[in-house]
Amino acid sequence: MLRKLNDEVLRVAASECTKVNFDIAVFSYVLSKIVSKPRYLSSDYAPMLNGIAHAFQAIVEKLDSAPEDELLRLFGELENTIMRLDAKDPRFFVDLVTKGRLKMAATFYAQGMSLGVAADMTGLEKQEIMDYSGETMMFDRLKEEKSIEERIKAARKFFG
């Protein structure tokens, strides 16, 4: 269910092209990964999961009223909390949030967003996004593409 929600959030983030929407897409993906892992149900992780829930609740409460910079700060706090969870159980080459950013950026790129905009939205290097896209065969799986008009509209929104 969270994955389907993430797909919808990703569609909105791609069309509205703001950093806040992008972070919502990234963290909805990351949260779906966390809740899908049975090991996180252990009581060892309860304090960190409570911290994640608290940080996410703060974002939800201010989503409609807070300025973008405050929301981005709250997402930074959420990221720090998730990083503590990752540090307790480091099983991957990259942390959950970086993987989420890579996946979302590669998905945007595969759907027709320019590589430059995808990199700007994520703070990742263009080469990282291209490498991830190539390794995952993302282009082969995605069927939705952005029209030229949608690309221009997204670029105008992003660059003001």
Protein backbone atom coordinates (compact mmCIF):
# COMPACT_ATOMS: atom_id res chain seq x y z
CA MET A 1 0.00 0.00 0.00
CA LEU A 2 2.83 2.43 0.81
CA ARG A 3 4.45 1.67 -2.53
CA LYS A 4 1.24 2.63 -4.37
CA LEU A 5 1.04 5.79 -2.30
CA ASN A 6 4.66 6.50 -3.18
CA ASP A 7 3.85 6.12 -6.88
CA GLU A 8 1.11 8.73 -6.53
CA VAL A 9 3.34 11.07 -4.53
CA LEU A 10 6.02 10.65 -7.18
CA ARG A 11 3.57 11.68 -9.92
CA VAL A 12 2.64 14.83 -7.99
CA ALA A 13 6.28 15.62 -7.24
CA ALA A 14 7.20 15.27 -10.92
CA SER A 15 4.39 17.55 -12.05
CA GLU A 16 4.75 20.21 -9.35
CA CYS A 17 8.55 19.96 -9.15
CA THR A 18 9.33 21.42 -5.73
CA LYS A 19 11.95 20.27 -3.25
CA VAL A 20 9.27 19.69 -0.62
CA ASN A 21 7.28 17.44 -2.97
CA PHE A 22 10.45 15.65 -3.91
CA ASP A 23 11.29 15.06 -0.23
CA ILE A 24 7.77 13.73 0.34
CA ALA A 25 8.37 11.24 -2.48
CA VAL A 26 11.79 10.24 -1.14
CA PHE A 27 10.63 9.76 2.43
CA SER A 28 7.43 7.94 1.48
CA TYR A 29 9.67 5.48 -0.36
CA VAL A 30 12.10 5.25 2.59
CA LEU A 31 9.27 4.68 5.06
CA SER A 32 7.84 1.95 2.84
CA LYS A 33 11.25 0.24 2.93
CA ILE A 34 11.45 0.53 6.71
CA VAL A 35 7.99 -0.91 7.40
CA SER A 36 8.60 -3.77 4.97
CA LYS A 37 11.58 -5.06 6.99
CA PRO A 38 10.53 -7.40 9.83
CA ARG A 39 13.80 -6.82 11.71
CA TYR A 40 12.66 -3.27 12.50
CA LEU A 41 9.72 -4.69 14.49
CA SER A 42 12.17 -5.70 17.23
CA SER A 43 12.00 -3.67 20.44
CA ASP A 44 15.63 -2.67 19.81
CA TYR A 45 14.38 -0.30 17.12
CA ALA A 46 11.34 1.08 18.97
CA PRO A 47 12.99 4.35 20.13
CA MET A 48 14.22 5.11 16.62
CA LEU A 49 10.88 4.23 15.04
CA ASN A 50 9.14 6.48 17.56
CA GLY A 51 11.56 9.26 16.63
CA ILE A 52 10.80 8.75 12.94
CA ALA A 53 7.06 8.83 13.64
CA HIS A 54 7.45 12.02 15.71
CA ALA A 55 9.56 13.74 13.02
CA PHE A 56 7.11 12.73 10.29
CA GLN A 57 4.15 13.94 12.38
CA ALA A 58 5.81 17.36 12.73
CA ILE A 59 6.04 17.56 8.94
CA VAL A 60 2.42 16.52 8.45
CA GLU A 61 1.20 19.12 10.95
CA LYS A 62 3.02 21.97 9.20
CA LEU A 63 2.77 20.85 5.58
CA ASP A 64 0.03 23.28 4.60
CA SER A 65 1.15 26.28 6.63
CA ALA A 66 4.93 26.38 7.05
CA PRO A 67 7.29 28.05 4.58
CA GLU A 68 9.40 25.80 2.36
CA ASP A 69 12.64 26.38 4.29
CA GLU A 70 11.03 25.24 7.55
CA LEU A 71 9.62 22.12 5.89
CA LEU A 72 13.02 21.32 4.40
CA ARG A 73 14.55 21.71 7.88
CA LEU A 74 11.96 19.28 9.26
CA PHE A 75 12.80 16.81 6.50
CA GLY A 76 16.44 17.18 7.54
CA GLU A 77 15.47 16.20 11.08
CA LEU A 78 13.56 13.20 9.72
CA GLU A 79 16.63 12.22 7.70
CA ASN A 80 18.86 12.44 10.78
CA THR A 81 16.48 10.18 12.69
CA ILE A 82 16.44 7.64 9.85
CA MET A 83 20.24 7.79 9.67
CA ARG A 84 20.39 6.66 13.33
CA LEU A 85 18.24 3.67 12.37
CA ASP A 86 20.57 2.96 9.45
CA ALA A 87 23.65 3.27 11.68
CA LYS A 88 22.28 0.63 14.04
CA ASP A 89 21.82 -1.86 11.19
CA PRO A 90 24.18 -0.96 8.30
CA ARG A 91 23.41 -3.63 5.69
CA PHE A 92 23.63 -1.64 2.49
CA PHE A 93 26.27 0.16 0.43
CA VAL A 94 24.30 3.39 0.73
CA ASP A 95 21.97 4.54 3.46
CA LEU A 96 18.19 4.35 3.04
CA VAL A 97 17.74 8.07 2.36
CA THR A 98 20.46 8.20 -0.29
CA LYS A 99 18.96 5.12 -1.94
CA GLY A 100 15.57 6.81 -1.84
CA ARG A 101 16.98 9.95 -3.45
CA LEU A 102 18.74 7.89 -6.11
CA LYS A 103 15.61 5.91 -6.89
CA MET A 104 13.37 8.98 -7.08
CA ALA A 105 15.88 10.96 -9.16
CA ALA A 106 16.35 8.04 -11.55
CA THR A 107 12.59 7.61 -11.81
CA PHE A 108 12.13 11.31 -12.63
CA TYR A 109 14.91 11.05 -15.21
CA ALA A 110 13.40 7.91 -16.71
CA GLN A 111 10.04 9.67 -16.98
CA GLY A 112 11.57 12.50 -18.98
CA MET A 113 12.71 15.07 -16.43
CA SER A 114 16.07 16.49 -17.41
CA LEU A 115 19.07 14.96 -15.73
CA GLY A 116 20.11 18.41 -14.53
CA VAL A 117 16.78 19.11 -12.81
CA ALA A 118 16.76 15.63 -11.24
CA ALA A 119 20.29 16.28 -9.92
CA ASP A 120 19.36 19.75 -8.63
CA MET A 121 16.28 18.40 -6.85
CA THR A 122 18.28 15.69 -5.10
CA GLY A 123 21.67 17.23 -4.55
CA LEU A 124 23.15 14.16 -6.24
CA GLU A 125 25.68 14.12 -9.04
CA LYS A 126 24.36 13.50 -12.55
CA GLN A 127 26.71 10.55 -12.91
CA GLU A 128 25.32 8.91 -9.76
CA ILE A 129 21.80 9.13 -11.18
CA MET A 130 22.88 7.77 -14.55
CA ASP A 131 24.80 4.91 -12.92
CA TYR A 132 21.82 3.95 -10.77
CA SER A 133 19.47 4.19 -13.74
CA GLY A 134 21.70 1.94 -15.80
CA GLU A 135 22.21 -0.62 -13.06
CA THR A 136 18.52 -0.96 -12.32
CA MET A 137 17.21 -0.96 -15.91
CA MET A 138 14.67 1.62 -14.76
CA PHE A 139 14.05 2.87 -18.29
CA ASP A 140 12.87 -0.58 -19.31
CA ARG A 141 10.26 -0.70 -16.53
CA LEU A 142 8.75 2.76 -16.78
CA LYS A 143 6.20 3.37 -19.47
CA GLU A 144 5.02 6.88 -18.57
CA GLU A 145 6.96 9.65 -20.21
CA LYS A 146 6.71 13.40 -19.94
CA SER A 147 5.77 15.39 -22.99
CA ILE A 148 7.87 18.39 -24.02
CA GLU A 149 5.14 20.68 -22.63
CA GLU A 150 5.24 18.90 -19.25
CA ARG A 151 9.04 19.15 -19.18
CA ILE A 152 8.95 22.89 -19.88
CA LYS A 153 6.23 23.43 -17.27
CA ALA A 154 8.24 21.50 -14.66
CA ALA A 155 11.43 23.40 -15.49
CA ARG A 156 9.63 26.76 -15.21
CA LYS A 157 8.23 25.82 -11.81
CA PHE A 158 11.59 24.62 -10.56
CA PHE A 159 13.59 27.61 -11.76
CA GLY A 160 10.91 30.15 -10.85
